[in-house]
């Protein structure tokens, strides 16, 4: 008997519970995925088109709701913070170290005919 407890009574095929779990993980991962990536992930689950379309719409709506809520909360926090005061406090407690590399390269000359020349 090599069937697991989850596969017993189903002939070893993927069950509804596994499908629900996969959809839930896809929905959670969709927060950080593009629409095309979500669509491809749902295609891999081999769902009917109507179900896939409904899930995709719901997932994308929830993703938009999540980012909207996140933006509102972030904006609320920024309104309460005195940014100038915080930057001043940070700069008083830290040293600034900066390194830069600047290079100058000659331009290609333009000949009288409008063509670039390498000479």
Foldseek 3Di string as FASTA:
>chain_A
DPDDPCCPPPVNDDDPVNLVVQLVVLLVCVLPDDLVVSLVSVVVSVDPPVVSVVSSVVSVVVSVVVVVVVVVVVVVVVVVDPVVVVVVVVPVVDDDDDDDDDDDDDDFDQDPVRHTDND
